[in-house]
Amino acid sequence: MVHGLQFLSVYAPCSHLNFGENDTSSINPSAKLSLNPPLKLRGSSIRSSATWSMVVRTHNSMVIDSPKELERLVHEEINKGGVGVNNGGKFGNYGGKYVPETLISCLGKLEAEFNSAIRDAEFQEALATALKDYVGRETPLYFAERLTNHYKKDKGEGPELYLKREDLNHGGAHKINNAIAQAMLAKRMGRTSIVAATGAGQHGVATAAACAKLALDCTIFMGTQDIHKQSFNVSQMKLLGAQVEFVEGSFKDATSEAIRRWVRSLDNSYCLSGTVVGPHPCPSMVR
């Protein structure tokens, strides 16, 4: 039995990319949700569940009886506005669409297609299949016993630590959860070419893997500051069929170059973002 666990932060599962309404597996995959009041989970089912990725510690707080009850509370928090963005893709003082007028129509079409895919049962089914059979979800939640014992206090009190094994996904990281869904969205929109920017290279590998599955052309931009440090990921991208273009500078410069390439061919290409950068709806989709 698991006693005294507080969910300091809950990371919604990545079995969908912000696609869906009624299933917690569709909550924004990389959105961190702080629940108030803090929560405990009674019972051992959380150890074998691949539904949640979390950091936990002992705390006196409200007790719930099952993951299902936690899911209900998470949805309740979301419905109250705890997660998400307001109109126009605003994140407080940040966000929105500060782009040339020529991009407004394209971004509007992307947002409309994204919202349509959220409610498309056929798309959801295809995405769930890809995540299960190609990505390798669900990934296990591993109880780190030795690490837990290391941080236990003299009286045996302290956190119980769990590791969500996203490294077991195809490509070795969590990035493909986002990449495969966006690549499928791009194909749904009739795009044939994907451009992306990567820093350490994990998003580049994930995008290349997604494009390989869907027979999409793939061009990855990577800063010269990162290339030499991440030569293995560069090799992986090339093995997966991507063209890797080097940009003088860092990830910021690579991102700018990827957007420039996308703007050259808006009707055929798709800029697949791996982090919350760029104009709305890109950050909302990744989040």
C-alpha atoms as a PDB file:
ATOM      1  CA  MET A   1       0.000   0.000   0.000  1.00  0.00           C
ATOM      2  CA  VAL A   2       1.188   3.504  -0.766  1.00  0.00           C
ATOM      3  CA  HIS A   3       0.855   5.871   2.169  1.00  0.00           C
ATOM      4  CA  GLY A   4       1.053   9.639   2.382  1.00  0.00           C
ATOM      5  CA  LEU A   5       1.692  10.664  -1.194  1.00  0.00           C
ATOM      6  CA  GLN A   6       1.239  14.216  -2.372  1.00  0.00           C
ATOM      7  CA  PHE A   7       1.130  15.054  -6.040  1.00  0.00           C
ATOM      8  CA  LEU A   8       3.349  18.118  -6.079  1.00  0.00           C
ATOM      9  CA  SER A   9       2.708  18.389  -9.766  1.00  0.00           C
ATOM     10  CA  VAL A  10       0.824  16.134 -12.121  1.00  0.00           C
ATOM     11  CA  TYR A  11       1.877  15.741 -15.725  1.00  0.00           C
ATOM     12  CA  ALA A  12      -1.018  14.701 -17.881  1.00  0.00           C
ATOM     13  CA  PRO A  13      -0.362  11.540 -19.882  1.00  0.00           C
ATOM     14  CA  CYS A  14       0.912  11.863 -23.407  1.00  0.00           C
ATOM     15  CA  SER A  15      -1.369   9.355 -25.058  1.00  0.00           C
ATOM     16  CA  HIS A  16      -2.909  12.264 -26.942  1.00  0.00           C
ATOM     17  CA  LEU A  17      -1.689  15.727 -27.872  1.00  0.00           C
ATOM     18  CA  ASN A  18      -4.330  17.909 -26.282  1.00  0.00           C
ATOM     19  CA  PHE A  19      -6.832  15.966 -28.424  1.00  0.00           C
ATOM     20  CA  GLY A  20     -10.055  14.814 -26.769  1.00  0.00           C
ATOM     21  CA  GLU A  21     -12.571  15.930 -24.213  1.00  0.00           C
ATOM     22  CA  ASN A  22     -13.691  13.130 -21.916  1.00  0.00           C
ATOM     23  CA  ASP A  23     -10.622  10.981 -21.335  1.00  0.00           C
ATOM     24  CA  THR A  24      -7.755  12.040 -19.085  1.00  0.00           C
ATOM     25  CA  SER A  25      -5.370  10.466 -21.536  1.00  0.00           C
ATOM     26  CA  SER A  26      -6.192  13.449 -23.720  1.00  0.00           C
ATOM     27  CA  ILE A  27      -5.246  16.186 -21.271  1.00  0.00           C
ATOM     28  CA  ASN A  28      -2.481  18.462 -22.496  1.00  0.00           C
ATOM     29  CA  PRO A  29       0.567  16.181 -22.487  1.00  0.00           C
ATOM     30  CA  SER A  30       3.207  18.511 -21.173  1.00  0.00           C
ATOM     31  CA  ALA A  31       0.993  20.793 -19.083  1.00  0.00           C
ATOM     32  CA  LYS A  32       1.948  20.873 -15.417  1.00  0.00           C
ATOM     33  CA  LEU A  33      -1.088  21.125 -13.187  1.00  0.00           C
ATOM     34  CA  SER A  34      -0.736  22.141  -9.551  1.00  0.00           C
ATOM     35  CA  LEU A  35      -3.726  20.863  -7.633  1.00  0.00           C
ATOM     36  CA  ASN A  36      -5.087  22.705  -4.634  1.00  0.00           C
ATOM     37  CA  PRO A  37      -5.653  21.304  -2.069  1.00  0.00           C
ATOM     38  CA  PRO A  38      -2.802  18.822  -2.325  1.00  0.00           C
ATOM     39  CA  LEU A  39      -3.789  15.232  -3.004  1.00  0.00           C
ATOM     40  CA  LYS A  40      -2.913  11.820  -1.618  1.00  0.00           C
ATOM     41  CA  LEU A  41      -3.692   8.508  -3.219  1.00  0.00           C
ATOM     42  CA  ARG A  42      -4.743   5.578  -1.071  1.00  0.00           C
ATOM     43  CA  GLY A  43      -3.955   2.138  -2.475  1.00  0.00           C
ATOM     44  CA  SER A  44      -1.218   0.539  -4.522  1.00  0.00           C
ATOM     45  CA  SER A  45      -2.724   0.859  -7.998  1.00  0.00           C
ATOM     46  CA  ILE A  46      -0.686   3.958  -8.772  1.00  0.00           C
ATOM     47  CA  ARG A  47       2.508   1.906  -8.855  1.00  0.00           C
ATOM     48  CA  SER A  48       1.370  -0.156 -11.814  1.00  0.00           C
ATOM     49  CA  SER A  49      -0.465   2.661 -13.544  1.00  0.00           C
ATOM     50  CA  ALA A  50       1.119   4.269 -16.588  1.00  0.00           C
ATOM     51  CA  THR A  51      -1.452   7.023 -16.530  1.00  0.00           C
ATOM     52  CA  TRP A  52       0.434   9.610 -14.512  1.00  0.00           C
ATOM     53  CA  SER A  53       3.921  10.993 -14.422  1.00  0.00           C
ATOM     54  CA  MET A  54       4.555  12.671 -11.134  1.00  0.00           C
ATOM     55  CA  VAL A  55       6.753  13.815  -8.324  1.00  0.00           C
ATOM     56  CA  VAL A  56       5.451  12.733  -4.920  1.00  0.00           C
ATOM     57  CA  ARG A  57       6.262  13.378  -1.288  1.00  0.00           C
ATOM     58  CA  THR A  58       4.675  12.835   2.117  1.00  0.00           C
ATOM     59  CA  HIS A  59       2.149  15.417   3.146  1.00  0.00           C
ATOM     60  CA  ASN A  60      -0.981  15.623   5.274  1.00  0.00           C
ATOM     61  CA  SER A  61      -3.702  16.476   2.804  1.00  0.00           C
ATOM     62  CA  MET A  62      -6.931  15.381   1.244  1.00  0.00           C
ATOM     63  CA  VAL A  63      -7.081  11.639   0.586  1.00  0.00           C
ATOM     64  CA  ILE A  64      -8.599  10.109  -2.527  1.00  0.00           C
ATOM     65  CA  ASP A  65      -9.265   6.450  -3.086  1.00  0.00           C
ATOM     66  CA  SER A  66      -8.278   5.765  -6.681  1.00  0.00           C
ATOM     67  CA  PRO A  67      -6.686   7.155  -9.856  1.00  0.00           C
ATOM     68  CA  LYS A  68     -10.209   7.601 -11.233  1.00  0.00           C
ATOM     69  CA  GLU A  69     -11.020  10.033  -8.458  1.00  0.00           C
ATOM     70  CA  LEU A  70      -7.790  11.897  -9.191  1.00  0.00           C
ATOM     71  CA  GLU A  71      -8.757  12.067 -12.844  1.00  0.00           C
ATOM     72  CA  ARG A  72     -12.120  13.539 -11.900  1.00  0.00           C
ATOM     73  CA  LEU A  73     -10.451  16.219  -9.813  1.00  0.00           C
ATOM     74  CA  VAL A  74      -8.005  17.031 -12.596  1.00  0.00           C
ATOM     75  CA  HIS A  75     -10.879  17.486 -15.070  1.00  0.00           C
ATOM     76  CA  GLU A  76     -12.657  19.645 -12.514  1.00  0.00           C
ATOM     77  CA  GLU A  77      -9.567  21.830 -12.225  1.00  0.00           C
ATOM     78  CA  ILE A  78      -9.281  22.092 -15.997  1.00  0.00           C
ATOM     79  CA  ASN A  79     -12.931  23.071 -16.346  1.00  0.00           C
ATOM     80  CA  LYS A  80     -12.290  25.858 -13.842  1.00  0.00           C
ATOM     81  CA  GLY A  81      -9.523  27.160 -16.044  1.00  0.00           C
ATOM     82  CA  GLY A  82      -6.580  25.670 -14.179  1.00  0.00           C
ATOM     83  CA  VAL A  83      -5.024  24.510 -17.449  1.00  0.00           C
ATOM     84  CA  GLY A  84      -5.233  25.994 -20.886  1.00  0.00           C
ATOM     85  CA  VAL A  85      -5.231  29.357 -22.579  1.00  0.00           C
ATOM     86  CA  ASN A  86      -7.767  32.088 -23.062  1.00  0.00           C
ATOM     87  CA  ASN A  87      -8.958  33.514 -26.370  1.00  0.00           C
ATOM     88  CA  GLY A  88      -6.188  34.250 -28.800  1.00  0.00           C
ATOM     89  CA  GLY A  89      -3.672  31.902 -27.215  1.00  0.00           C
ATOM     90  CA  LYS A  90      -2.686  34.169 -24.351  1.00  0.00           C
ATOM     91  CA  PHE A  91      -0.590  32.902 -21.451  1.00  0.00           C
ATOM     92  CA  GLY A  92      -1.042  35.806 -19.076  1.00  0.00           C
ATOM     93  CA  ASN A  93       0.913  38.675 -20.593  1.00  0.00           C
ATOM     94  CA  TYR A  94       2.455  36.391 -23.193  1.00  0.00           C
ATOM     95  CA  GLY A  95       1.299  34.656 -26.337  1.00  0.00           C
ATOM     96  CA  GLY A  96      -0.923  35.709 -29.196  1.00  0.00           C
ATOM     97  CA  LYS A  97      -0.176  36.183 -32.887  1.00  0.00           C
ATOM     98  CA  TYR A  98       2.438  38.847 -33.556  1.00  0.00           C
ATOM     99  CA  VAL A  99       3.183  37.835 -37.133  1.00  0.00           C
ATOM    100  CA  PRO A 100       2.980  39.331 -40.626  1.00  0.00           C
ATOM    101  CA  GLU A 101      -0.500  39.586 -42.082  1.00  0.00           C
ATOM    102  CA  THR A 102       0.371  36.915 -44.658  1.00  0.00           C
ATOM    103  CA  LEU A 103       0.574  34.321 -41.883  1.00  0.00           C
ATOM    104  CA  ILE A 104      -2.728  35.110 -40.161  1.00  0.00           C
ATOM    105  CA  SER A 105      -4.843  33.071 -42.585  1.00  0.00           C
ATOM    106  CA  CYS A 106      -2.483  30.092 -42.431  1.00  0.00           C
ATOM    107  CA  LEU A 107      -2.452  30.088 -38.645  1.00  0.00           C
ATOM    108  CA  GLY A 108      -6.228  30.403 -38.590  1.00  0.00           C
ATOM    109  CA  LYS A 109      -6.533  27.298 -40.769  1.00  0.00           C
ATOM    110  CA  LEU A 110      -4.142  25.431 -38.493  1.00  0.00           C
ATOM    111  CA  GLU A 111      -6.158  26.359 -35.416  1.00  0.00           C
ATOM    112  CA  ALA A 112      -9.411  25.292 -37.083  1.00  0.00           C
ATOM    113  CA  GLU A 113      -7.924  21.959 -38.155  1.00  0.00           C
ATOM    114  CA  PHE A 114      -6.505  21.385 -34.708  1.00  0.00           C
ATOM    115  CA  ASN A 115      -9.887  22.014 -33.080  1.00  0.00           C
ATOM    116  CA  SER A 116     -11.529  19.715 -35.614  1.00  0.00           C
ATOM    117  CA  ALA A 117      -9.050  16.909 -34.936  1.00  0.00           C
ATOM    118  CA  ILE A 118      -9.740  17.173 -31.203  1.00  0.00           C
ATOM    119  CA  ARG A 119     -13.291  16.020 -31.837  1.00  0.00           C
ATOM    120  CA  ASP A 120     -12.644  13.606 -34.705  1.00  0.00           C
ATOM    121  CA  ALA A 121     -13.093  10.049 -33.423  1.00  0.00           C
ATOM    122  CA  GLU A 122     -11.380   8.541 -36.469  1.00  0.00           C
ATOM    123  CA  PHE A 123      -8.318  10.752 -35.999  1.00  0.00           C
ATOM    124  CA  GLN A 124      -8.273   9.940 -32.291  1.00  0.00           C
ATOM    125  CA  GLU A 125      -8.350   6.232 -33.014  1.00  0.00           C
ATOM    126  CA  ALA A 126      -5.520   6.481 -35.532  1.00  0.00           C
ATOM    127  CA  LEU A 127      -3.467   8.535 -33.082  1.00  0.00           C
ATOM    128  CA  ALA A 128      -4.081   6.086 -30.243  1.00  0.00           C
ATOM    129  CA  THR A 129      -2.955   3.224 -32.481  1.00  0.00           C
ATOM    130  CA  ALA A 130       0.208   5.056 -33.508  1.00  0.00           C
ATOM    131  CA  LEU A 131       1.038   5.896 -29.906  1.00  0.00           C
ATOM    132  CA  LYS A 132       0.567   2.291 -28.838  1.00  0.00           C
ATOM    133  CA  ASP A 133       2.130   0.403 -31.739  1.00  0.00           C
ATOM    134  CA  TYR A 134       4.746   2.852 -33.028  1.00  0.00           C
ATOM    135  CA  VAL A 135       5.663   5.038 -30.065  1.00  0.00           C
ATOM    136  CA  GLY A 136       5.387   2.238 -27.519  1.00  0.00           C
ATOM    137  CA  ARG A 137       2.967   3.722 -25.012  1.00  0.00           C
ATOM    138  CA  GLU A 138       2.002   3.294 -22.288  1.00  0.00           C
ATOM    139  CA  THR A 139       5.382   3.567 -20.609  1.00  0.00           C
ATOM    140  CA  PRO A 140       5.748   2.177 -17.090  1.00  0.00           C
ATOM    141  CA  LEU A 141       5.857   4.067 -13.831  1.00  0.00           C
ATOM    142  CA  TYR A 142       8.882   2.725 -11.970  1.00  0.00           C
ATOM    143  CA  PHE A 143       9.243   2.871  -8.193  1.00  0.00           C
ATOM    144  CA  ALA A 144      12.843   4.021  -7.584  1.00  0.00           C
ATOM    145  CA  GLU A 145      13.395   2.046  -4.399  1.00  0.00           C
ATOM    146  CA  ARG A 146      17.096   2.786  -3.912  1.00  0.00           C
ATOM    147  CA  LEU A 147      16.638   6.500  -4.599  1.00  0.00           C
ATOM    148  CA  THR A 148      13.676   6.537  -2.226  1.00  0.00           C
ATOM    149  CA  ASN A 149      15.744   4.884   0.510  1.00  0.00           C
ATOM    150  CA  HIS A 150      18.554   7.383  -0.082  1.00  0.00           C
ATOM    151  CA  TYR A 151      16.267  10.317   0.726  1.00  0.00           C
ATOM    152  CA  LYS A 152      14.429   8.707   3.597  1.00  0.00           C
ATOM    153  CA  LYS A 153      15.100  10.360   6.910  1.00  0.00           C
ATOM    154  CA  ASP A 154      16.596   8.523   9.897  1.00  0.00           C
ATOM    155  CA  LYS A 155      13.106   7.655  11.080  1.00  0.00           C
ATOM    156  CA  GLY A 156      12.206   6.235   7.683  1.00  0.00           C
ATOM    157  CA  GLU A 157      10.231   9.301   6.674  1.00  0.00           C
ATOM    158  CA  GLY A 158      10.629  10.982   3.347  1.00  0.00           C
ATOM    159  CA  PRO A 159       9.517  10.971  -0.257  1.00  0.00           C
ATOM    160  CA  GLU A 160       8.639   7.939  -2.321  1.00  0.00           C
ATOM    161  CA  LEU A 161      10.077   8.585  -5.762  1.00  0.00           C
ATOM    162  CA  TYR A 162       8.709   7.279  -9.036  1.00  0.00           C
ATOM    163  CA  LEU A 163      10.242   7.539 -12.487  1.00  0.00           C
ATOM    164  CA  LYS A 164       8.025   7.757 -15.559  1.00  0.00           C
ATOM    165  CA  ARG A 165       9.981   5.803 -18.159  1.00  0.00           C
ATOM    166  CA  GLU A 166       9.444   8.074 -21.132  1.00  0.00           C
ATOM    167  CA  ASP A 167      12.940   7.116 -22.252  1.00  0.00           C
ATOM    168  CA  LEU A 168      11.429   3.821 -23.418  1.00  0.00           C
ATOM    169  CA  ASN A 169       9.412   5.559 -26.144  1.00  0.00           C
ATOM    170  CA  HIS A 170      10.579   5.180 -29.738  1.00  0.00           C
ATOM    171  CA  GLY A 171      13.421   7.664 -30.109  1.00  0.00           C
ATOM    172  CA  GLY A 172      14.346   7.549 -26.439  1.00  0.00           C
ATOM    173  CA  ALA A 173      12.393  10.539 -25.135  1.00  0.00           C
ATOM    174  CA  HIS A 174       8.964  12.023 -24.489  1.00  0.00           C
ATOM    175  CA  LYS A 175       9.206  14.273 -27.542  1.00  0.00           C
ATOM    176  CA  ILE A 176       7.576  11.833 -29.945  1.00  0.00           C
ATOM    177  CA  ASN A 177       4.241  12.087 -28.130  1.00  0.00           C
ATOM    178  CA  ASN A 178       3.906  15.589 -29.513  1.00  0.00           C
ATOM    179  CA  ALA A 179       5.712  14.995 -32.801  1.00  0.00           C
ATOM    180  CA  ILE A 180       3.624  12.053 -33.999  1.00  0.00           C
ATOM    181  CA  ALA A 181       0.339  13.860 -33.326  1.00  0.00           C
ATOM    182  CA  GLN A 182       1.429  17.047 -35.088  1.00  0.00           C
ATOM    183  CA  ALA A 183       2.829  15.097 -38.025  1.00  0.00           C
ATOM    184  CA  MET A 184      -0.505  13.320 -38.372  1.00  0.00           C
ATOM    185  CA  LEU A 185      -2.253  16.683 -38.230  1.00  0.00           C
ATOM    186  CA  ALA A 186       0.055  17.981 -40.967  1.00  0.00           C
ATOM    187  CA  LYS A 187      -0.779  15.017 -43.181  1.00  0.00           C
ATOM    188  CA  ARG A 188      -4.467  15.523 -42.472  1.00  0.00           C
ATOM    189  CA  MET A 189      -4.057  19.078 -43.784  1.00  0.00           C
ATOM    190  CA  GLY A 190      -2.435  17.808 -46.984  1.00  0.00           C
ATOM    191  CA  ARG A 191       1.087  18.940 -46.123  1.00  0.00           C
ATOM    192  CA  THR A 192       3.938  16.913 -47.586  1.00  0.00           C
ATOM    193  CA  SER A 193       6.954  18.529 -45.944  1.00  0.00           C
ATOM    194  CA  ILE A 194       7.867  19.061 -42.304  1.00  0.00           C
ATOM    195  CA  VAL A 195      10.355  21.603 -40.971  1.00  0.00           C
ATOM    196  CA  ALA A 196      11.456  21.708 -37.351  1.00  0.00           C
ATOM    197  CA  ALA A 197      14.137  23.147 -35.101  1.00  0.00           C
ATOM    198  CA  THR A 198      15.903  21.218 -32.382  1.00  0.00           C
ATOM    199  CA  GLY A 199      18.313  22.055 -29.607  1.00  0.00           C
ATOM    200  CA  ALA A 200      19.780  18.976 -27.954  1.00  0.00           C
ATOM    201  CA  GLY A 201      18.343  16.905 -30.783  1.00  0.00           C
ATOM    202  CA  GLN A 202      15.605  14.883 -29.099  1.00  0.00           C
ATOM    203  CA  HIS A 203      12.810  16.759 -30.848  1.00  0.00           C
ATOM    204  CA  GLY A 204      14.684  16.373 -34.114  1.00  0.00           C
ATOM    205  CA  VAL A 205      14.905  12.601 -33.664  1.00  0.00           C
ATOM    206  CA  ALA A 206      11.225  12.403 -32.707  1.00  0.00           C
ATOM    207  CA  THR A 207      10.138  14.487 -35.701  1.00  0.00           C
ATOM    208  CA  ALA A 208      12.290  12.422 -38.050  1.00  0.00           C
ATOM    209  CA  ALA A 209      10.751   9.224 -36.656  1.00  0.00           C
ATOM    210  CA  ALA A 210       7.218  10.576 -37.071  1.00  0.00           C
ATOM    211  CA  CYS A 211       7.927  11.668 -40.643  1.00  0.00           C
ATOM    212  CA  ALA A 212       9.462   8.291 -41.460  1.00  0.00           C
ATOM    213  CA  LYS A 213       6.242   6.576 -40.423  1.00  0.00           C
ATOM    214  CA  LEU A 214       4.019   8.949 -42.377  1.00  0.00           C
ATOM    215  CA  ALA A 215       6.203   9.284 -45.506  1.00  0.00           C
ATOM    216  CA  LEU A 216       6.688  13.021 -45.048  1.00  0.00           C
ATOM    217  CA  ASP A 217       9.764  14.948 -46.140  1.00  0.00           C
ATOM    218  CA  CYS A 218      11.644  16.165 -43.084  1.00  0.00           C
ATOM    219  CA  THR A 219      14.131  19.001 -42.624  1.00  0.00           C
ATOM    220  CA  ILE A 220      15.622  19.654 -39.196  1.00  0.00           C
ATOM    221  CA  PHE A 221      17.446  22.878 -38.348  1.00  0.00           C
ATOM    222  CA  MET A 222      20.053  22.706 -35.611  1.00  0.00           C
ATOM    223  CA  GLY A 223      22.409  25.323 -34.201  1.00  0.00           C
ATOM    224  CA  THR A 224      26.144  24.811 -34.593  1.00  0.00           C
ATOM    225  CA  GLN A 225      26.541  25.209 -30.836  1.00  0.00           C
ATOM    226  CA  ASP A 226      24.521  22.015 -30.357  1.00  0.00           C
ATOM    227  CA  ILE A 227      25.688  19.907 -33.296  1.00  0.00           C
ATOM    228  CA  HIS A 228      29.092  18.997 -31.913  1.00  0.00           C
ATOM    229  CA  LYS A 229      27.692  18.221 -28.473  1.00  0.00           C
ATOM    230  CA  GLN A 230      24.883  16.055 -29.861  1.00  0.00           C
ATOM    231  CA  SER A 231      26.495  14.233 -32.781  1.00  0.00           C
ATOM    232  CA  PHE A 232      24.711  10.974 -31.915  1.00  0.00           C
ATOM    233  CA  ASN A 233      21.280  12.583 -32.287  1.00  0.00           C
ATOM    234  CA  VAL A 234      22.374  14.126 -35.586  1.00  0.00           C
ATOM    235  CA  SER A 235      23.253  10.625 -36.829  1.00  0.00           C
ATOM    236  CA  GLN A 236      19.900   9.300 -35.638  1.00  0.00           C
ATOM    237  CA  MET A 237      17.998  11.995 -37.530  1.00  0.00           C
ATOM    238  CA  LYS A 238      19.875  11.202 -40.726  1.00  0.00           C
ATOM    239  CA  LEU A 239      19.310   7.448 -40.297  1.00  0.00           C
ATOM    240  CA  LEU A 240      15.587   8.151 -40.041  1.00  0.00           C
ATOM    241  CA  GLY A 241      15.693   9.985 -43.368  1.00  0.00           C
ATOM    242  CA  ALA A 242      15.746  13.598 -42.252  1.00  0.00           C
ATOM    243  CA  GLN A 243      17.835  16.302 -43.853  1.00  0.00           C
ATOM    244  CA  VAL A 244      19.754  18.136 -41.139  1.00  0.00           C
ATOM    245  CA  GLU A 245      20.692  21.742 -41.847  1.00  0.00           C
ATOM    246  CA  PHE A 246      23.193  23.526 -39.629  1.00  0.00           C
ATOM    247  CA  VAL A 247      22.519  27.096 -38.527  1.00  0.00           C
ATOM    248  CA  GLU A 248      25.172  29.344 -37.056  1.00  0.00           C
ATOM    249  CA  GLY A 249      24.264  29.924 -33.430  1.00  0.00           C
ATOM    250  CA  SER A 250      21.925  28.257 -30.950  1.00  0.00           C
ATOM    251  CA  PHE A 251      18.409  26.823 -30.794  1.00  0.00           C
ATOM    252  CA  LYS A 252      16.937  30.323 -31.075  1.00  0.00           C
ATOM    253  CA  ASP A 253      18.661  30.820 -34.415  1.00  0.00           C
ATOM    254  CA  ALA A 254      17.604  27.368 -35.613  1.00  0.00           C
ATOM    255  CA  THR A 255      13.988  28.152 -34.717  1.00  0.00           C
ATOM    256  CA  SER A 256      14.067  31.402 -36.673  1.00  0.00           C
ATOM    257  CA  GLU A 257      15.486  29.611 -39.700  1.00  0.00           C
ATOM    258  CA  ALA A 258      12.850  26.855 -39.515  1.00  0.00           C
ATOM    259  CA  ILE A 259      10.071  29.452 -39.492  1.00  0.00           C
ATOM    260  CA  ARG A 260      11.652  31.229 -42.477  1.00  0.00           C
ATOM    261  CA  ARG A 261      11.730  27.959 -44.421  1.00  0.00           C
ATOM    262  CA  TRP A 262       8.099  27.253 -43.512  1.00  0.00           C
ATOM    263  CA  VAL A 263       6.985  30.701 -44.684  1.00  0.00           C
ATOM    264  CA  ARG A 264       8.455  30.029 -48.125  1.00  0.00           C
ATOM    265  CA  SER A 265       5.962  27.231 -48.765  1.00  0.00           C
ATOM    266  CA  LEU A 266       2.913  27.623 -46.560  1.00  0.00           C
ATOM    267  CA  ASP A 267       0.697  25.448 -48.767  1.00  0.00           C
ATOM    268  CA  ASN A 268       2.965  22.407 -48.681  1.00  0.00           C
ATOM    269  CA  SER A 269       5.026  22.625 -45.509  1.00  0.00           C
ATOM    270  CA  TYR A 270       4.299  22.440 -41.796  1.00  0.00           C
ATOM    271  CA  CYS A 271       6.462  23.852 -38.994  1.00  0.00           C
ATOM    272  CA  LEU A 272       6.438  21.233 -36.244  1.00  0.00           C
ATOM    273  CA  SER A 273       7.293  22.898 -32.952  1.00  0.00           C
ATOM    274  CA  GLY A 274       8.620  20.863 -30.075  1.00  0.00           C
ATOM    275  CA  THR A 275       8.276  23.490 -27.377  1.00  0.00           C
ATOM    276  CA  VAL A 276       5.998  26.398 -26.488  1.00  0.00           C
ATOM    277  CA  VAL A 277       7.415  28.923 -28.943  1.00  0.00           C
ATOM    278  CA  GLY A 278       5.989  30.673 -31.974  1.00  0.00           C
ATOM    279  CA  PRO A 279       2.599  32.208 -32.716  1.00  0.00           C
ATOM    280  CA  HIS A 280      -0.751  30.856 -31.567  1.00  0.00           C
ATOM    281  CA  PRO A 281      -1.911  28.062 -31.881  1.00  0.00           C
ATOM    282  CA  CYS A 282       1.560  26.428 -31.870  1.00  0.00           C
ATOM    283  CA  PRO A 283       2.298  26.856 -28.120  1.00  0.00           C
ATOM    284  CA  SER A 284      -1.203  25.688 -27.186  1.00  0.00           C
ATOM    285  CA  MET A 285      -0.870  22.582 -29.327  1.00  0.00           C
ATOM    286  CA  VAL A 286       2.470  21.601 -27.839  1.00  0.00           C
ATOM    287  CA  ARG A 287       1.338  22.383 -24.319  1.00  0.00           C
END
